[in-house]
Amino acid sequence: MVAFSGSDPIGVLIGAKRPSGTLVHKIAVHPDHRRQGHGRHLLASLSSKLAILGPPRIIAEVPETLAPACELFNASGYVQEALLTDYVLQREQEDRDMGEGFVIPVTVDDLAANGLLGEAHPQVCWTHAVETLTAMKDDIAGLAVASDERIEACVLYVTRGTEETDIVSLRSFIDDGGARLKRLLFQLRARGMETFRFQRVHPAEISKELLETLGFTPAGRHLLCAARARSA
């Protein structure tokens, strides 16, 4: 959606839509036209449109450091549902892989076929949702620890150049204190990956304590805000 002043575009809202809801991906207003209600007008127009067309749920993942954006969504009736945390893990030296089981390549389709991709629900950020992983599956690589009977832990990731890796899913299906996940991260380091970023992690997705055990440290936060579409 675009806001105009006369014939000049002065604001833009970019969204992404799926059956469960709509994400406000970006919203921006030209510096010369801020504090004049254009941002609220864009959000209200989107809400009115979705009240008719659906889906009624609208969400935004707002960087905690962007105070004006946080104020805009709050003033527009959005309610904070959760705090999403960015984590980073720098390369560390480890002795060797001592784990049991096989480490095998795994794809999004492999996890889906084994019923391990997860169900569509709002307890993850937009990027980690099943719909996003499925849509991006050709760009996502993965590793898993497997026994003779099943997959016991997995990591899905996207490489960014030669040194940086974005983790989009990190899950263990065994209560082992993170041992299998440590093994997978070790295997990725052995392939030359230097820095791991696991961004916008919902507290229900994986615990802060487990991530800290794996060596991740917080690097930023986002407010997960939500509203219901309504007619103007």
C-alpha atoms as a PDB file:
ATOM      1  CA  MET A   1       0.000   0.000   0.000  1.00  0.00           C
ATOM      2  CA  VAL A   2       1.242   3.514  -0.831  1.00  0.00           C
ATOM      3  CA  ALA A   3       0.297   6.863   0.727  1.00  0.00           C
ATOM      4  CA  PHE A   4       0.412   9.998  -1.446  1.00  0.00           C
ATOM      5  CA  SER A   5       0.587  13.719  -0.890  1.00  0.00           C
ATOM      6  CA  GLY A   6      -0.797  15.032  -4.138  1.00  0.00           C
ATOM      7  CA  SER A   7       1.050  13.024  -6.777  1.00  0.00           C
ATOM      8  CA  ASP A   8       4.063  12.359  -4.555  1.00  0.00           C
ATOM      9  CA  PRO A   9       4.408   8.986  -2.806  1.00  0.00           C
ATOM     10  CA  ILE A  10       5.274   9.682   0.828  1.00  0.00           C
ATOM     11  CA  GLY A  11       4.628   6.385   2.614  1.00  0.00           C
ATOM     12  CA  VAL A  12       4.621   2.663   1.944  1.00  0.00           C
ATOM     13  CA  LEU A  13       3.439  -0.502   3.678  1.00  0.00           C
ATOM     14  CA  ILE A  14       4.676  -3.887   2.486  1.00  0.00           C
ATOM     15  CA  GLY A  15       2.934  -6.996   3.765  1.00  0.00           C
ATOM     16  CA  ALA A  16       2.927 -10.759   3.391  1.00  0.00           C
ATOM     17  CA  LYS A  17      -0.253 -12.782   3.564  1.00  0.00           C
ATOM     18  CA  ARG A  18      -1.092 -16.391   4.359  1.00  0.00           C
ATOM     19  CA  PRO A  19      -4.309 -18.107   5.563  1.00  0.00           C
ATOM     20  CA  SER A  20      -3.375 -17.732   9.242  1.00  0.00           C
ATOM     21  CA  GLY A  21      -2.672 -14.004   9.094  1.00  0.00           C
ATOM     22  CA  THR A  22      -0.923 -11.051   7.471  1.00  0.00           C
ATOM     23  CA  LEU A  23       2.520  -9.757   8.386  1.00  0.00           C
ATOM     24  CA  VAL A  24       3.348  -6.054   8.223  1.00  0.00           C
ATOM     25  CA  HIS A  25       6.814  -6.597   6.820  1.00  0.00           C
ATOM     26  CA  LYS A  26       7.801  -2.951   6.343  1.00  0.00           C
ATOM     27  CA  ILE A  27       6.190   0.421   6.962  1.00  0.00           C
ATOM     28  CA  ALA A  28       7.925   3.705   6.239  1.00  0.00           C
ATOM     29  CA  VAL A  29       7.025   7.367   5.859  1.00  0.00           C
ATOM     30  CA  HIS A  30       9.183  10.041   4.235  1.00  0.00           C
ATOM     31  CA  PRO A  31      11.021  12.097   6.908  1.00  0.00           C
ATOM     32  CA  ASP A  32       9.349  15.328   5.749  1.00  0.00           C
ATOM     33  CA  HIS A  33       5.880  13.851   6.335  1.00  0.00           C
ATOM     34  CA  ARG A  34       6.232  12.072   9.653  1.00  0.00           C
ATOM     35  CA  ARG A  35       4.051  12.770  12.697  1.00  0.00           C
ATOM     36  CA  GLN A  36       1.136  13.615  10.406  1.00  0.00           C
ATOM     37  CA  GLY A  37      -0.838  10.377  10.753  1.00  0.00           C
ATOM     38  CA  HIS A  38       0.242   8.735   7.504  1.00  0.00           C
ATOM     39  CA  GLY A  39       1.566   5.592   9.200  1.00  0.00           C
ATOM     40  CA  ARG A  40      -1.659   5.128  11.170  1.00  0.00           C
ATOM     41  CA  HIS A  41      -3.664   5.726   7.994  1.00  0.00           C
ATOM     42  CA  LEU A  42      -1.747   2.973   6.172  1.00  0.00           C
ATOM     43  CA  LEU A  43      -2.353   0.522   9.022  1.00  0.00           C
ATOM     44  CA  ALA A  44      -6.035   1.489   9.254  1.00  0.00           C
ATOM     45  CA  SER A  45      -6.476   1.037   5.485  1.00  0.00           C
ATOM     46  CA  LEU A  46      -4.881  -2.401   5.649  1.00  0.00           C
ATOM     47  CA  SER A  47      -7.128  -3.335   8.569  1.00  0.00           C
ATOM     48  CA  SER A  48     -10.255  -2.230   6.694  1.00  0.00           C
ATOM     49  CA  LYS A  49      -9.264  -4.217   3.635  1.00  0.00           C
ATOM     50  CA  LEU A  50      -8.543  -7.386   5.616  1.00  0.00           C
ATOM     51  CA  ALA A  51     -11.810  -7.027   7.549  1.00  0.00           C
ATOM     52  CA  ILE A  52     -13.515  -7.719   4.221  1.00  0.00           C
ATOM     53  CA  LEU A  53     -11.072 -10.066   2.495  1.00  0.00           C
ATOM     54  CA  GLY A  54      -9.459 -11.768   5.509  1.00  0.00           C
ATOM     55  CA  PRO A  55      -7.588 -13.169   7.248  1.00  0.00           C
ATOM     56  CA  PRO A  56      -8.481 -11.073  10.308  1.00  0.00           C
ATOM     57  CA  ARG A  57      -5.178 -11.546  12.191  1.00  0.00           C
ATOM     58  CA  ILE A  58      -2.471  -8.951  11.524  1.00  0.00           C
ATOM     59  CA  ILE A  59       0.989  -9.139  13.087  1.00  0.00           C
ATOM     60  CA  ALA A  60       4.201  -7.121  13.135  1.00  0.00           C
ATOM     61  CA  GLU A  61       7.659  -7.978  14.440  1.00  0.00           C
ATOM     62  CA  VAL A  62       8.991  -4.601  15.532  1.00  0.00           C
ATOM     63  CA  PRO A  63      12.638  -4.059  16.577  1.00  0.00           C
ATOM     64  CA  GLU A  64      12.633  -3.035  20.218  1.00  0.00           C
ATOM     65  CA  THR A  65      15.132  -0.247  19.470  1.00  0.00           C
ATOM     66  CA  LEU A  66      12.769   1.496  17.000  1.00  0.00           C
ATOM     67  CA  ALA A  67      10.762   3.532  19.507  1.00  0.00           C
ATOM     68  CA  PRO A  68       8.714   5.466  16.878  1.00  0.00           C
ATOM     69  CA  ALA A  69       7.622   2.208  15.237  1.00  0.00           C
ATOM     70  CA  CYS A  70       6.690   0.690  18.600  1.00  0.00           C
ATOM     71  CA  GLU A  71       4.641   3.809  19.399  1.00  0.00           C
ATOM     72  CA  LEU A  72       2.929   3.665  15.998  1.00  0.00           C
ATOM     73  CA  PHE A  73       1.725   0.095  16.424  1.00  0.00           C
ATOM     74  CA  ASN A  74       0.679   0.699  20.014  1.00  0.00           C
ATOM     75  CA  ALA A  75      -1.339   3.767  18.986  1.00  0.00           C
ATOM     76  CA  SER A  76      -2.928   1.730  16.176  1.00  0.00           C
ATOM     77  CA  GLY A  77      -4.353  -0.853  18.576  1.00  0.00           C
ATOM     78  CA  TYR A  78      -1.694  -3.563  18.297  1.00  0.00           C
ATOM     79  CA  VAL A  79      -1.054  -5.591  21.452  1.00  0.00           C
ATOM     80  CA  GLN A  80       2.273  -7.189  22.318  1.00  0.00           C
ATOM     81  CA  GLU A  81       1.967 -10.991  22.392  1.00  0.00           C
ATOM     82  CA  ALA A  82       5.589 -12.019  22.895  1.00  0.00           C
ATOM     83  CA  LEU A  83       9.178 -10.872  22.884  1.00  0.00           C
ATOM     84  CA  LEU A  84      11.275 -12.398  20.096  1.00  0.00           C
ATOM     85  CA  THR A  85      15.023 -12.619  20.671  1.00  0.00           C
ATOM     86  CA  ASP A  86      17.907 -12.613  18.194  1.00  0.00           C
ATOM     87  CA  TYR A  87      20.749 -14.956  19.137  1.00  0.00           C
ATOM     88  CA  VAL A  88      24.277 -15.293  17.811  1.00  0.00           C
ATOM     89  CA  LEU A  89      26.869 -18.038  18.196  1.00  0.00           C
ATOM     90  CA  GLN A  90      30.476 -17.404  17.292  1.00  0.00           C
ATOM     91  CA  ARG A  91      32.739 -20.230  16.230  1.00  0.00           C
ATOM     92  CA  GLU A  92      34.257 -22.150  19.121  1.00  0.00           C
ATOM     93  CA  GLN A  93      36.919 -24.817  19.257  1.00  0.00           C
ATOM     94  CA  GLU A  94      35.738 -28.251  20.343  1.00  0.00           C
ATOM     95  CA  ASP A  95      37.701 -31.475  20.656  1.00  0.00           C
ATOM     96  CA  ARG A  96      35.721 -33.926  18.576  1.00  0.00           C
ATOM     97  CA  ASP A  97      32.303 -35.360  17.841  1.00  0.00           C
ATOM     98  CA  MET A  98      31.594 -37.948  20.549  1.00  0.00           C
ATOM     99  CA  GLY A  99      27.868 -38.404  19.989  1.00  0.00           C
ATOM    100  CA  GLU A 100      25.942 -41.552  19.177  1.00  0.00           C
ATOM    101  CA  GLY A 101      23.806 -42.095  16.096  1.00  0.00           C
ATOM    102  CA  PHE A 102      24.281 -41.048  12.509  1.00  0.00           C
ATOM    103  CA  VAL A 103      24.598 -37.465  11.278  1.00  0.00           C
ATOM    104  CA  ILE A 104      22.777 -37.267   7.959  1.00  0.00           C
ATOM    105  CA  PRO A 105      21.671 -34.559   5.526  1.00  0.00           C
ATOM    106  CA  VAL A 106      18.006 -33.680   5.895  1.00  0.00           C
ATOM    107  CA  THR A 107      15.591 -31.516   3.926  1.00  0.00           C
ATOM    108  CA  VAL A 108      12.367 -29.713   4.743  1.00  0.00           C
ATOM    109  CA  ASP A 109      10.523 -32.409   2.787  1.00  0.00           C
ATOM    110  CA  ASP A 110      12.242 -35.157   4.809  1.00  0.00           C
ATOM    111  CA  LEU A 111      11.059 -33.620   8.076  1.00  0.00           C
ATOM    112  CA  ALA A 112       7.544 -33.139   6.714  1.00  0.00           C
ATOM    113  CA  ALA A 113       7.417 -36.767   5.548  1.00  0.00           C
ATOM    114  CA  ASN A 114       8.364 -37.901   9.062  1.00  0.00           C
ATOM    115  CA  GLY A 115       5.823 -35.630  10.738  1.00  0.00           C
ATOM    116  CA  LEU A 116       8.584 -33.527  12.323  1.00  0.00           C
ATOM    117  CA  LEU A 117       8.223 -30.183  10.587  1.00  0.00           C
ATOM    118  CA  GLY A 118       5.723 -28.984  13.144  1.00  0.00           C
ATOM    119  CA  GLU A 119       2.197 -27.706  12.835  1.00  0.00           C
ATOM    120  CA  ALA A 120       1.130 -24.291  11.612  1.00  0.00           C
ATOM    121  CA  HIS A 121       0.744 -22.181  14.754  1.00  0.00           C
ATOM    122  CA  PRO A 122       1.671 -18.664  15.910  1.00  0.00           C
ATOM    123  CA  GLN A 123       4.321 -19.778  18.425  1.00  0.00           C
ATOM    124  CA  VAL A 124       7.211 -18.958  16.101  1.00  0.00           C
ATOM    125  CA  CYS A 125       8.174 -15.868  14.155  1.00  0.00           C
ATOM    126  CA  TRP A 126       7.022 -15.502  10.563  1.00  0.00           C
ATOM    127  CA  THR A 127      10.338 -16.730   9.100  1.00  0.00           C
ATOM    128  CA  HIS A 128      10.369 -19.930  11.175  1.00  0.00           C
ATOM    129  CA  ALA A 129       6.763 -20.881  10.430  1.00  0.00           C
ATOM    130  CA  VAL A 130       6.002 -24.067   8.509  1.00  0.00           C
ATOM    131  CA  GLU A 131       4.605 -22.104   5.578  1.00  0.00           C
ATOM    132  CA  THR A 132       7.817 -20.090   5.215  1.00  0.00           C
ATOM    133  CA  LEU A 133      10.074 -23.123   5.550  1.00  0.00           C
ATOM    134  CA  THR A 134       8.048 -24.927   2.900  1.00  0.00           C
ATOM    135  CA  ALA A 135       8.146 -21.948   0.543  1.00  0.00           C
ATOM    136  CA  MET A 136      11.922 -21.546   1.020  1.00  0.00           C
ATOM    137  CA  LYS A 137      12.781 -25.250   0.986  1.00  0.00           C
ATOM    138  CA  ASP A 138      14.989 -25.037  -2.104  1.00  0.00           C
ATOM    139  CA  ASP A 139      17.247 -22.553  -0.284  1.00  0.00           C
ATOM    140  CA  ILE A 140      17.336 -24.420   3.046  1.00  0.00           C
ATOM    141  CA  ALA A 141      19.879 -27.105   3.944  1.00  0.00           C
ATOM    142  CA  GLY A 142      19.789 -29.306   7.005  1.00  0.00           C
ATOM    143  CA  LEU A 143      21.465 -31.908   9.180  1.00  0.00           C
ATOM    144  CA  ALA A 144      19.941 -34.416  11.551  1.00  0.00           C
ATOM    145  CA  VAL A 145      21.030 -36.916  14.160  1.00  0.00           C
ATOM    146  CA  ALA A 146      19.283 -40.213  13.454  1.00  0.00           C
ATOM    147  CA  SER A 147      19.158 -43.596  15.123  1.00  0.00           C
ATOM    148  CA  ASP A 148      18.101 -46.814  13.440  1.00  0.00           C
ATOM    149  CA  GLU A 149      14.502 -45.936  14.308  1.00  0.00           C
ATOM    150  CA  ARG A 150      14.006 -42.194  13.942  1.00  0.00           C
ATOM    151  CA  ILE A 151      15.336 -38.664  13.579  1.00  0.00           C
ATOM    152  CA  GLU A 152      16.339 -37.425  17.044  1.00  0.00           C
ATOM    153  CA  ALA A 153      17.407 -33.808  16.396  1.00  0.00           C
ATOM    154  CA  CYS A 154      17.716 -31.486  13.440  1.00  0.00           C
ATOM    155  CA  VAL A 155      18.931 -28.094  12.292  1.00  0.00           C
ATOM    156  CA  LEU A 156      17.757 -26.244   9.197  1.00  0.00           C
ATOM    157  CA  TYR A 157      19.854 -23.357   7.932  1.00  0.00           C
ATOM    158  CA  VAL A 158      20.560 -20.918   5.121  1.00  0.00           C
ATOM    159  CA  THR A 159      24.150 -19.928   4.362  1.00  0.00           C
ATOM    160  CA  ARG A 160      24.977 -16.235   3.918  1.00  0.00           C
ATOM    161  CA  GLY A 161      28.328 -16.140   2.144  1.00  0.00           C
ATOM    162  CA  THR A 162      31.239 -18.218   3.396  1.00  0.00           C
ATOM    163  CA  GLU A 163      31.160 -17.321   7.094  1.00  0.00           C
ATOM    164  CA  GLU A 164      27.621 -16.497   8.229  1.00  0.00           C
ATOM    165  CA  THR A 165      24.760 -18.955   8.638  1.00  0.00           C
ATOM    166  CA  ASP A 166      21.120 -18.239   9.472  1.00  0.00           C
ATOM    167  CA  ILE A 167      19.444 -20.983  11.473  1.00  0.00           C
ATOM    168  CA  VAL A 168      15.732 -21.228  10.725  1.00  0.00           C
ATOM    169  CA  SER A 169      14.902 -24.274  12.825  1.00  0.00           C
ATOM    170  CA  LEU A 170      16.717 -25.965  15.707  1.00  0.00           C
ATOM    171  CA  ARG A 171      14.873 -28.845  17.324  1.00  0.00           C
ATOM    172  CA  SER A 172      15.619 -31.860  19.487  1.00  0.00           C
ATOM    173  CA  PHE A 173      13.107 -34.678  19.859  1.00  0.00           C
ATOM    174  CA  ILE A 174      15.108 -36.257  22.695  1.00  0.00           C
ATOM    175  CA  ASP A 175      15.498 -34.834  26.199  1.00  0.00           C
ATOM    176  CA  ASP A 176      19.297 -34.937  26.322  1.00  0.00           C
ATOM    177  CA  GLY A 177      20.236 -31.490  27.623  1.00  0.00           C
ATOM    178  CA  GLY A 178      21.096 -30.320  24.124  1.00  0.00           C
ATOM    179  CA  ALA A 179      23.781 -32.940  23.417  1.00  0.00           C
ATOM    180  CA  ARG A 180      22.464 -33.815  19.959  1.00  0.00           C
ATOM    181  CA  LEU A 181      22.055 -30.169  19.000  1.00  0.00           C
ATOM    182  CA  LYS A 182      25.637 -29.500  20.117  1.00  0.00           C
ATOM    183  CA  ARG A 183      26.739 -32.305  17.868  1.00  0.00           C
ATOM    184  CA  LEU A 184      24.942 -30.813  14.874  1.00  0.00           C
ATOM    185  CA  LEU A 185      26.454 -27.380  15.491  1.00  0.00           C
ATOM    186  CA  PHE A 186      29.879 -29.026  15.778  1.00  0.00           C
ATOM    187  CA  GLN A 187      29.358 -30.653  12.390  1.00  0.00           C
ATOM    188  CA  LEU A 188      28.467 -27.299  10.837  1.00  0.00           C
ATOM    189  CA  ARG A 189      31.571 -25.695  12.339  1.00  0.00           C
ATOM    190  CA  ALA A 190      33.653 -28.512  10.912  1.00  0.00           C
ATOM    191  CA  ARG A 191      32.397 -27.427   7.488  1.00  0.00           C
ATOM    192  CA  GLY A 192      33.871 -23.961   7.994  1.00  0.00           C
ATOM    193  CA  MET A 193      30.828 -22.063   9.200  1.00  0.00           C
ATOM    194  CA  GLU A 194      31.986 -19.264  11.496  1.00  0.00           C
ATOM    195  CA  THR A 195      28.957 -17.410  12.848  1.00  0.00           C
ATOM    196  CA  PHE A 196      25.435 -18.700  13.454  1.00  0.00           C
ATOM    197  CA  ARG A 197      22.475 -16.335  13.729  1.00  0.00           C
ATOM    198  CA  PHE A 198      19.164 -17.594  15.083  1.00  0.00           C
ATOM    199  CA  GLN A 199      16.868 -14.603  14.790  1.00  0.00           C
ATOM    200  CA  ARG A 200      13.483 -13.689  16.232  1.00  0.00           C
ATOM    201  CA  VAL A 201      13.199 -16.764  18.426  1.00  0.00           C
ATOM    202  CA  HIS A 202       9.848 -17.102  20.172  1.00  0.00           C
ATOM    203  CA  PRO A 203      10.175 -18.209  23.822  1.00  0.00           C
ATOM    204  CA  ALA A 204       7.882 -21.173  23.069  1.00  0.00           C
ATOM    205  CA  GLU A 205      10.100 -22.310  20.190  1.00  0.00           C
ATOM    206  CA  ILE A 206      13.196 -23.220  22.231  1.00  0.00           C
ATOM    207  CA  SER A 207      14.165 -22.145  25.721  1.00  0.00           C
ATOM    208  CA  LYS A 208      16.639 -19.397  26.488  1.00  0.00           C
ATOM    209  CA  GLU A 209      18.397 -21.747  28.908  1.00  0.00           C
ATOM    210  CA  LEU A 210      18.967 -24.393  26.239  1.00  0.00           C
ATOM    211  CA  LEU A 211      20.267 -21.831  23.751  1.00  0.00           C
ATOM    212  CA  GLU A 212      22.695 -20.503  26.347  1.00  0.00           C
ATOM    213  CA  THR A 213      23.838 -24.074  27.020  1.00  0.00           C
ATOM    214  CA  LEU A 214      24.582 -24.362  23.305  1.00  0.00           C
ATOM    215  CA  GLY A 215      26.659 -21.164  23.463  1.00  0.00           C
ATOM    216  CA  PHE A 216      24.211 -18.674  21.933  1.00  0.00           C
ATOM    217  CA  THR A 217      24.063 -15.132  23.314  1.00  0.00           C
ATOM    218  CA  PRO A 218      21.242 -12.566  22.878  1.00  0.00           C
ATOM    219  CA  ALA A 219      21.898  -9.921  20.221  1.00  0.00           C
ATOM    220  CA  GLY A 220      18.616  -8.009  19.931  1.00  0.00           C
ATOM    221  CA  ARG A 221      14.878  -8.221  20.493  1.00  0.00           C
ATOM    222  CA  HIS A 222      11.646  -7.674  18.563  1.00  0.00           C
ATOM    223  CA  LEU A 223       8.139  -7.081  19.839  1.00  0.00           C
ATOM    224  CA  LEU A 224       5.609  -9.482  18.350  1.00  0.00           C
ATOM    225  CA  CYS A 225       2.489  -7.313  18.095  1.00  0.00           C
ATOM    226  CA  ALA A 226      -0.920  -8.364  16.828  1.00  0.00           C
ATOM    227  CA  ALA A 227      -4.287  -6.854  15.999  1.00  0.00           C
ATOM    228  CA  ARG A 228      -7.628  -7.959  14.559  1.00  0.00           C
ATOM    229  CA  ALA A 229      -8.771  -6.468  11.278  1.00  0.00           C
ATOM    230  CA  ARG A 230     -11.739  -4.136  11.624  1.00  0.00           C
ATOM    231  CA  SER A 231     -13.673  -1.806   9.374  1.00  0.00           C
ATOM    232  CA  ALA A 232     -12.968   1.901   9.673  1.00  0.00           C
END
